[in-house]
């Protein structure tokens, strides 16, 4: 049986962890928003010069990639360590998973007549869930 003091302390620890997780998730979403704006801008830019779906999506993805890594490392997950090869490698693995997920959803939407931007926007919730979980548990180990 847990004493009243232990129950109270556990409740405070759980509340603090919950608050930190929500704050971290909000920062993750902000970082994703900034990266997405760069990503969408890149897609539109490359598409206007006549490139196809895969090239346009790839360029946009790459444009948001660098800012995404550094914002997640230092802003979302509050890491103060220098960049390590292991982090970059695992981050790129997560990016590859999200990239393939994005391309799949975008191409399905294009086939259905929804367009690249609609497909990209529809892919975001899925990419966010996968990216947050893997980044938190695997890449930055928060």
N, C-alpha and C. Protein backbone atom coordinates (compact mmCIF):
# COMPACT_ATOMS: atom_id res chain seq x y z
N UNK A 1 0.84 -1.17 0.00
CA UNK A 1 0.00 0.00 0.00
C UNK A 1 0.89 1.24 0.00
N UNK A 2 0.47 2.25 -0.74
CA UNK A 2 1.24 3.50 -0.84
C UNK A 2 0.74 4.48 0.21
N UNK A 3 1.70 5.10 0.92
CA UNK A 3 1.32 6.10 1.91
C UNK A 3 0.82 7.36 1.20
N UNK A 4 0.16 8.23 1.95
CA UNK A 4 -0.36 9.48 1.39
C UNK A 4 0.75 10.34 0.80
N UNK A 5 1.88 10.43 1.51
CA UNK A 5 3.00 11.26 1.04
C UNK A 5 3.59 10.69 -0.25
N UNK A 6 3.74 9.37 -0.30
CA UNK A 6 4.30 8.74 -1.51
C UNK A 6 3.35 8.91 -2.69
N UNK A 7 2.05 8.78 -2.43
CA UNK A 7 1.05 8.96 -3.49
C UNK A 7 1.09 10.40 -4.00
N UNK A 8 1.20 11.36 -3.09
CA UNK A 8 1.27 12.78 -3.46
C UNK A 8 2.54 13.05 -4.28
N UNK A 9 3.68 12.53 -3.83
CA UNK A 9 4.95 12.73 -4.54
C UNK A 9 4.89 12.11 -5.93
N UNK A 10 4.30 10.92 -6.02
CA UNK A 10 4.17 10.27 -7.32
C UNK A 10 3.27 11.10 -8.23
N UNK A 11 2.21 11.66 -7.68
CA UNK A 11 1.31 12.50 -8.45
C UNK A 11 2.00 13.74 -8.99
N UNK A 12 2.84 14.36 -8.18
CA UNK A 12 3.60 15.54 -8.61
C UNK A 12 4.58 15.16 -9.71
N UNK A 13 5.27 14.04 -9.53
CA UNK A 13 6.23 13.59 -10.55
C UNK A 13 5.52 13.30 -11.86
N UNK A 14 4.36 12.65 -11.78
CA UNK A 14 3.59 12.34 -12.98
C UNK A 14 3.09 13.62 -13.65
N UNK A 15 2.61 14.57 -12.86
CA UNK A 15 2.13 15.84 -13.41
C UNK A 15 3.28 16.60 -14.08
N UNK A 16 4.44 16.60 -13.44
CA UNK A 16 5.59 17.30 -14.02
C UNK A 16 6.00 16.64 -15.34
N UNK A 17 6.02 15.30 -15.36
CA UNK A 17 6.36 14.58 -16.58
C UNK A 17 5.33 14.88 -17.67
N UNK A 18 4.05 14.90 -17.31
CA UNK A 18 2.98 15.19 -18.26
C UNK A 18 3.15 16.59 -18.82
N UNK A 19 3.43 17.57 -17.95
CA UNK A 19 3.61 18.95 -18.38
C UNK A 19 4.80 19.06 -19.33
N UNK A 20 5.92 18.43 -18.97
CA UNK A 20 7.11 18.48 -19.81
C UNK A 20 6.84 17.83 -21.16
N UNK A 21 6.09 16.73 -21.15
CA UNK A 21 5.76 16.05 -22.40
C UNK A 21 4.90 16.94 -23.29
N UNK A 22 3.90 17.62 -22.70
CA UNK A 22 3.05 18.50 -23.49
C UNK A 22 3.84 19.68 -24.03
N UNK A 23 4.71 20.25 -23.21
CA UNK A 23 5.54 21.37 -23.65
C UNK A 23 6.46 20.92 -24.79
N UNK A 24 7.01 19.74 -24.64
CA UNK A 24 7.88 19.18 -25.67
C UNK A 24 7.10 18.91 -26.96
N UNK A 25 5.90 18.40 -26.82
CA UNK A 25 5.07 18.12 -27.99
C UNK A 25 4.68 19.41 -28.71
N UNK A 26 4.42 20.47 -27.96
CA UNK A 26 4.10 21.76 -28.58
C UNK A 26 5.33 22.30 -29.32
N UNK A 27 6.50 22.16 -28.72
CA UNK A 27 7.73 22.60 -29.39
C UNK A 27 7.98 21.77 -30.65
N UNK A 28 7.69 20.48 -30.56
CA UNK A 28 7.82 19.60 -31.73
C UNK A 28 6.91 20.10 -32.85
N UNK A 29 5.68 20.46 -32.50
CA UNK A 29 4.72 20.95 -33.49
C UNK A 29 5.18 22.29 -34.09
N UNK A 30 5.72 23.18 -33.27
CA UNK A 30 6.22 24.47 -33.77
C UNK A 30 7.36 24.23 -34.76
N UNK A 31 8.28 23.36 -34.39
CA UNK A 31 9.40 23.04 -35.27
C UNK A 31 8.88 22.44 -36.57
N UNK A 32 7.90 21.56 -36.44
CA UNK A 32 7.30 20.97 -37.63
C UNK A 32 6.64 22.01 -38.51
N UNK A 33 6.00 23.00 -37.88
CA UNK A 33 5.36 24.07 -38.64
C UNK A 33 6.36 24.89 -39.44
N UNK A 34 7.46 25.25 -38.80
CA UNK A 34 8.51 26.02 -39.50
C UNK A 34 9.08 25.19 -40.64
N UNK A 35 9.37 23.93 -40.37
CA UNK A 35 9.92 23.05 -41.41
C UNK A 35 8.93 22.86 -42.55
N UNK A 36 7.66 22.74 -42.20
CA UNK A 36 6.63 22.54 -43.22
C UNK A 36 6.50 23.76 -44.12
N UNK A 37 6.57 24.95 -43.54
CA UNK A 37 6.51 26.15 -44.38
C UNK A 37 7.65 26.19 -45.39
N UNK A 38 8.85 25.84 -44.92
CA UNK A 38 9.98 25.77 -45.85
C UNK A 38 9.78 24.66 -46.87
N UNK A 39 9.27 23.53 -46.42
CA UNK A 39 9.01 22.38 -47.28
C UNK A 39 8.02 22.75 -48.39
N UNK A 40 6.86 23.30 -48.01
CA UNK A 40 5.84 23.66 -48.99
C UNK A 40 6.33 24.73 -49.96
N UNK A 41 7.09 25.68 -49.44
CA UNK A 41 7.66 26.72 -50.31
C UNK A 41 8.59 26.10 -51.35
N UNK A 42 9.38 25.15 -50.90
CA UNK A 42 10.29 24.46 -51.82
C UNK A 42 9.55 23.66 -52.87
N UNK A 43 8.48 22.98 -52.47
CA UNK A 43 7.67 22.22 -53.43
C UNK A 43 7.10 23.15 -54.50
N UNK A 44 6.50 24.26 -54.05
CA UNK A 44 5.90 25.20 -55.00
C UNK A 44 6.95 25.81 -55.93
N UNK A 45 8.10 26.14 -55.37
CA UNK A 45 9.18 26.72 -56.17
C UNK A 45 9.63 25.77 -57.27
N UNK A 46 9.90 24.53 -56.89
CA UNK A 46 10.41 23.56 -57.85
C UNK A 46 9.32 23.15 -58.85
N UNK A 47 8.10 23.10 -58.40
CA UNK A 47 7.00 22.74 -59.30
C UNK A 47 6.78 23.82 -60.37
N UNK A 48 7.01 25.08 -60.00
CA UNK A 48 6.81 26.16 -60.97
C UNK A 48 7.84 26.12 -62.10
N UNK A 49 8.97 25.47 -61.89
CA UNK A 49 9.96 25.35 -62.97
C UNK A 49 9.77 24.06 -63.77
N UNK A 50 8.66 23.35 -63.47
CA UNK A 50 8.29 22.22 -64.31
C UNK A 50 8.71 20.84 -63.84
N UNK A 51 9.16 20.71 -62.62
CA UNK A 51 9.56 19.39 -62.11
C UNK A 51 8.34 18.58 -61.69
N UNK A 52 8.49 17.28 -61.67
CA UNK A 52 7.40 16.38 -61.31
C UNK A 52 7.19 16.27 -59.81
N UNK A 53 6.28 15.40 -59.45
CA UNK A 53 5.86 15.22 -58.06
C UNK A 53 7.03 14.79 -57.17
N UNK A 54 7.72 13.73 -57.53
CA UNK A 54 8.79 13.20 -56.66
C UNK A 54 9.93 14.19 -56.47
N UNK A 55 10.33 14.86 -57.55
CA UNK A 55 11.41 15.84 -57.44
C UNK A 55 10.97 17.03 -56.59
N UNK A 56 9.75 17.50 -56.80
CA UNK A 56 9.25 18.64 -56.03
C UNK A 56 9.16 18.33 -54.55
N UNK A 57 8.58 17.18 -54.23
CA UNK A 57 8.45 16.77 -52.83
C UNK A 57 9.83 16.55 -52.21
N UNK A 58 10.74 15.95 -52.97
CA UNK A 58 12.09 15.70 -52.46
C UNK A 58 12.82 16.99 -52.13
N UNK A 59 12.72 17.97 -53.02
CA UNK A 59 13.38 19.25 -52.78
C UNK A 59 12.82 19.94 -51.54
N UNK A 60 11.50 19.96 -51.42
CA UNK A 60 10.87 20.57 -50.25
C UNK A 60 11.29 19.89 -48.97
N UNK A 61 11.33 18.58 -49.01
CA UNK A 61 11.72 17.79 -47.84
C UNK A 61 13.15 18.13 -47.42
N UNK A 62 14.04 18.20 -48.40
CA UNK A 62 15.44 18.52 -48.12
C UNK A 62 15.60 19.93 -47.56
N UNK A 63 14.82 20.85 -48.08
CA UNK A 63 14.88 22.24 -47.62
C UNK A 63 14.54 22.35 -46.13
N UNK A 64 13.51 21.64 -45.70
CA UNK A 64 13.10 21.68 -44.29
C UNK A 64 13.94 20.81 -43.38
N UNK A 65 14.72 19.91 -43.95
CA UNK A 65 15.46 18.91 -43.18
C UNK A 65 16.49 19.50 -42.22
N UNK A 66 17.30 20.38 -42.70
CA UNK A 66 18.40 20.92 -41.88
C UNK A 66 17.85 21.73 -40.70
N UNK A 67 16.91 22.63 -40.96
CA UNK A 67 16.34 23.42 -39.88
C UNK A 67 15.61 22.51 -38.90
N UNK A 68 14.98 21.46 -39.42
CA UNK A 68 14.26 20.52 -38.58
C UNK A 68 15.19 19.83 -37.58
N UNK A 69 16.32 19.34 -38.04
CA UNK A 69 17.26 18.66 -37.14
C UNK A 69 17.72 19.58 -36.01
N UNK A 70 18.18 20.76 -36.37
CA UNK A 70 18.73 21.65 -35.36
C UNK A 70 17.66 22.20 -34.41
N UNK A 71 16.48 22.47 -34.93
CA UNK A 71 15.41 22.94 -34.04
C UNK A 71 14.98 21.83 -33.08
N UNK A 72 14.88 20.60 -33.59
CA UNK A 72 14.50 19.50 -32.69
C UNK A 72 15.58 19.25 -31.64
N UNK A 73 16.81 19.26 -32.07
CA UNK A 73 17.90 18.98 -31.12
C UNK A 73 17.96 20.03 -30.02
N UNK A 74 17.98 21.29 -30.40
CA UNK A 74 18.21 22.34 -29.42
C UNK A 74 16.95 22.99 -28.85
N UNK A 75 15.86 23.00 -29.60
CA UNK A 75 14.63 23.65 -29.15
C UNK A 75 13.64 22.63 -28.58
N UNK A 76 13.32 21.61 -29.35
CA UNK A 76 12.30 20.64 -28.91
C UNK A 76 12.79 19.79 -27.75
N UNK A 77 13.95 19.16 -27.92
CA UNK A 77 14.43 18.21 -26.92
C UNK A 77 15.51 18.78 -26.01
N UNK A 78 15.79 20.07 -26.14
CA UNK A 78 16.68 20.78 -25.21
C UNK A 78 18.06 20.17 -25.05
N UNK A 79 18.60 19.61 -26.09
CA UNK A 79 19.93 19.01 -26.02
C UNK A 79 20.97 20.12 -26.06
N UNK A 80 21.96 20.02 -25.23
CA UNK A 80 23.04 21.00 -25.22
C UNK A 80 24.37 20.37 -25.64
N UNK A 81 24.30 19.10 -26.03
CA UNK A 81 25.50 18.40 -26.48
C UNK A 81 25.81 18.79 -27.92
N UNK A 82 27.05 18.57 -28.32
CA UNK A 82 27.40 18.81 -29.72
C UNK A 82 26.73 17.74 -30.56
N UNK A 83 26.61 18.03 -31.82
CA UNK A 83 25.99 17.08 -32.75
C UNK A 83 26.87 15.85 -32.85
N UNK A 84 26.24 14.68 -32.72
CA UNK A 84 26.97 13.41 -32.80
C UNK A 84 26.56 12.65 -34.05
N UNK A 85 27.48 11.86 -34.55
CA UNK A 85 27.22 11.06 -35.75
C UNK A 85 26.02 10.14 -35.56
N UNK A 86 25.92 9.54 -34.38
CA UNK A 86 24.83 8.64 -34.06
C UNK A 86 23.47 9.35 -34.20
N UNK A 87 23.38 10.55 -33.66
CA UNK A 87 22.13 11.33 -33.75
C UNK A 87 21.76 11.63 -35.20
N UNK A 88 22.75 12.08 -35.95
CA UNK A 88 22.50 12.43 -37.35
C UNK A 88 22.06 11.18 -38.12
N UNK A 89 22.75 10.07 -37.90
CA UNK A 89 22.40 8.82 -38.59
C UNK A 89 20.99 8.37 -38.26
N UNK A 90 20.64 8.37 -36.97
CA UNK A 90 19.30 7.95 -36.57
C UNK A 90 18.24 8.95 -37.04
N UNK A 91 18.57 10.23 -37.00
CA UNK A 91 17.65 11.25 -37.50
C UNK A 91 17.38 11.02 -38.98
N UNK A 92 18.42 10.73 -39.75
CA UNK A 92 18.24 10.48 -41.18
C UNK A 92 17.42 9.21 -41.43
N UNK A 93 17.54 8.23 -40.55
CA UNK A 93 16.72 7.03 -40.63
C UNK A 93 15.24 7.38 -40.43
N UNK A 94 14.96 8.20 -39.42
CA UNK A 94 13.58 8.65 -39.17
C UNK A 94 13.09 9.47 -40.35
N UNK A 95 13.94 10.32 -40.89
CA UNK A 95 13.57 11.13 -42.05
C UNK A 95 13.23 10.23 -43.23
N UNK A 96 14.02 9.19 -43.45
CA UNK A 96 13.75 8.27 -44.55
C UNK A 96 12.37 7.62 -44.39
N UNK A 97 12.06 7.18 -43.20
CA UNK A 97 10.74 6.59 -42.94
C UNK A 97 9.64 7.61 -43.24
N UNK A 98 9.80 8.83 -42.74
CA UNK A 98 8.79 9.87 -42.96
C UNK A 98 8.73 10.31 -44.43
N UNK A 99 9.86 10.32 -45.08
CA UNK A 99 9.92 10.67 -46.50
C UNK A 99 9.11 9.67 -47.33
N UNK A 100 9.34 8.40 -47.08
CA UNK A 100 8.61 7.36 -47.82
C UNK A 100 7.12 7.41 -47.52
N UNK A 101 6.78 7.68 -46.28
CA UNK A 101 5.38 7.84 -45.89
C UNK A 101 4.76 9.04 -46.62
N UNK A 102 5.48 10.15 -46.66
CA UNK A 102 5.01 11.35 -47.35
C UNK A 102 4.82 11.10 -48.84
N UNK A 103 5.83 10.52 -49.50
CA UNK A 103 5.73 10.25 -50.93
C UNK A 103 4.54 9.35 -51.24
N UNK A 104 4.32 8.36 -50.42
CA UNK A 104 3.20 7.43 -50.62
C UNK A 104 1.87 8.17 -50.57
N UNK A 105 1.69 8.96 -49.52
CA UNK A 105 0.42 9.68 -49.35
C UNK A 105 0.23 10.72 -50.45
N UNK A 106 1.29 11.46 -50.79
CA UNK A 106 1.19 12.48 -51.84
C UNK A 106 0.85 11.83 -53.19
N UNK A 107 1.52 10.76 -53.53
CA UNK A 107 1.25 10.10 -54.81
C UNK A 107 -0.16 9.52 -54.86
N UNK A 108 -0.65 8.99 -53.78
CA UNK A 108 -2.04 8.50 -53.73
C UNK A 108 -3.00 9.66 -53.97
N UNK A 109 -2.75 10.78 -53.31
CA UNK A 109 -3.63 11.94 -53.49
C UNK A 109 -3.57 12.49 -54.92
N UNK A 110 -2.41 12.48 -55.53
CA UNK A 110 -2.28 12.95 -56.91
C UNK A 110 -3.08 12.03 -57.84
N UNK A 111 -2.97 10.73 -57.61
CA UNK A 111 -3.74 9.77 -58.42
C UNK A 111 -5.25 9.96 -58.23
N UNK A 112 -5.64 10.39 -57.05
CA UNK A 112 -7.06 10.61 -56.77
C UNK A 112 -7.53 12.01 -57.20
N UNK A 113 -6.61 12.82 -57.73
CA UNK A 113 -6.97 14.16 -58.20
C UNK A 113 -6.88 15.24 -57.13
N UNK A 114 -6.29 14.92 -56.00
CA UNK A 114 -6.22 15.89 -54.90
C UNK A 114 -5.07 16.86 -54.98
N UNK A 115 -4.04 16.56 -55.75
CA UNK A 115 -2.91 17.46 -55.91
C UNK A 115 -1.81 17.24 -54.88
N UNK A 116 -0.67 17.80 -55.18
CA UNK A 116 0.52 17.63 -54.34
C UNK A 116 0.34 18.27 -52.97
N UNK A 117 -0.12 19.51 -52.93
CA UNK A 117 -0.22 20.23 -51.66
C UNK A 117 -1.24 19.56 -50.74
N UNK A 118 -2.37 19.13 -51.29
CA UNK A 118 -3.38 18.44 -50.48
C UNK A 118 -2.78 17.15 -49.90
N UNK A 119 -2.07 16.40 -50.74
CA UNK A 119 -1.42 15.17 -50.27
C UNK A 119 -0.40 15.44 -49.19
N UNK A 120 0.38 16.49 -49.39
CA UNK A 120 1.40 16.86 -48.41
C UNK A 120 0.74 17.23 -47.08
N UNK A 121 -0.30 18.03 -47.13
CA UNK A 121 -0.98 18.43 -45.90
C UNK A 121 -1.62 17.24 -45.20
N UNK A 122 -2.19 16.32 -45.96
CA UNK A 122 -2.79 15.12 -45.36
C UNK A 122 -1.75 14.20 -44.73
N UNK A 123 -0.53 14.24 -45.24
CA UNK A 123 0.52 13.38 -44.69
C UNK A 123 1.06 13.87 -43.35
N UNK A 124 0.87 15.15 -43.05
CA UNK A 124 1.50 15.76 -41.87
C UNK A 124 1.13 15.11 -40.53
N UNK A 125 -0.13 14.80 -40.24
CA UNK A 125 -0.42 14.17 -38.94
C UNK A 125 0.29 12.82 -38.77
N UNK A 126 0.35 12.04 -39.85
CA UNK A 126 1.01 10.74 -39.78
C UNK A 126 2.52 10.89 -39.58
N UNK A 127 3.09 11.82 -40.33
CA UNK A 127 4.53 12.08 -40.22
C UNK A 127 4.87 12.61 -38.83
N UNK A 128 4.00 13.45 -38.28
CA UNK A 128 4.25 14.00 -36.95
C UNK A 128 4.24 12.90 -35.89
N UNK A 129 3.26 12.02 -35.93
CA UNK A 129 3.18 10.94 -34.93
C UNK A 129 4.40 10.03 -35.00
N UNK A 130 4.74 9.61 -36.20
CA UNK A 130 5.89 8.72 -36.38
C UNK A 130 7.18 9.45 -35.99
N UNK A 131 7.35 10.67 -36.46
CA UNK A 131 8.57 11.44 -36.20
C UNK A 131 8.78 11.75 -34.73
N UNK A 132 7.72 12.15 -34.03
CA UNK A 132 7.85 12.47 -32.61
C UNK A 132 8.24 11.23 -31.81
N UNK A 133 7.53 10.16 -32.04
CA UNK A 133 7.81 8.94 -31.29
C UNK A 133 9.22 8.44 -31.50
N UNK A 134 9.65 8.36 -32.73
CA UNK A 134 11.01 7.87 -33.02
C UNK A 134 12.08 8.85 -32.59
N UNK A 135 11.84 10.15 -32.77
CA UNK A 135 12.83 11.15 -32.35
C UNK A 135 13.02 11.15 -30.85
N UNK A 136 11.93 11.06 -30.13
CA UNK A 136 11.99 11.11 -28.66
C UNK A 136 12.64 9.86 -28.07
N UNK A 137 12.29 8.72 -28.61
CA UNK A 137 12.76 7.46 -28.03
C UNK A 137 14.06 6.94 -28.63
N UNK A 138 14.34 7.31 -29.87
CA UNK A 138 15.49 6.74 -30.56
C UNK A 138 16.60 7.75 -30.82
N UNK A 139 16.26 8.89 -31.37
CA UNK A 139 17.28 9.84 -31.82
C UNK A 139 17.84 10.67 -30.69
N UNK A 140 16.97 11.41 -30.01
CA UNK A 140 17.43 12.34 -28.97
C UNK A 140 17.24 11.80 -27.57
N UNK A 141 16.59 10.68 -27.42
CA UNK A 141 16.36 9.96 -26.16
C UNK A 141 16.01 10.87 -25.00
N UNK A 142 14.92 11.59 -25.18
CA UNK A 142 14.46 12.50 -24.14
C UNK A 142 13.82 11.74 -22.99
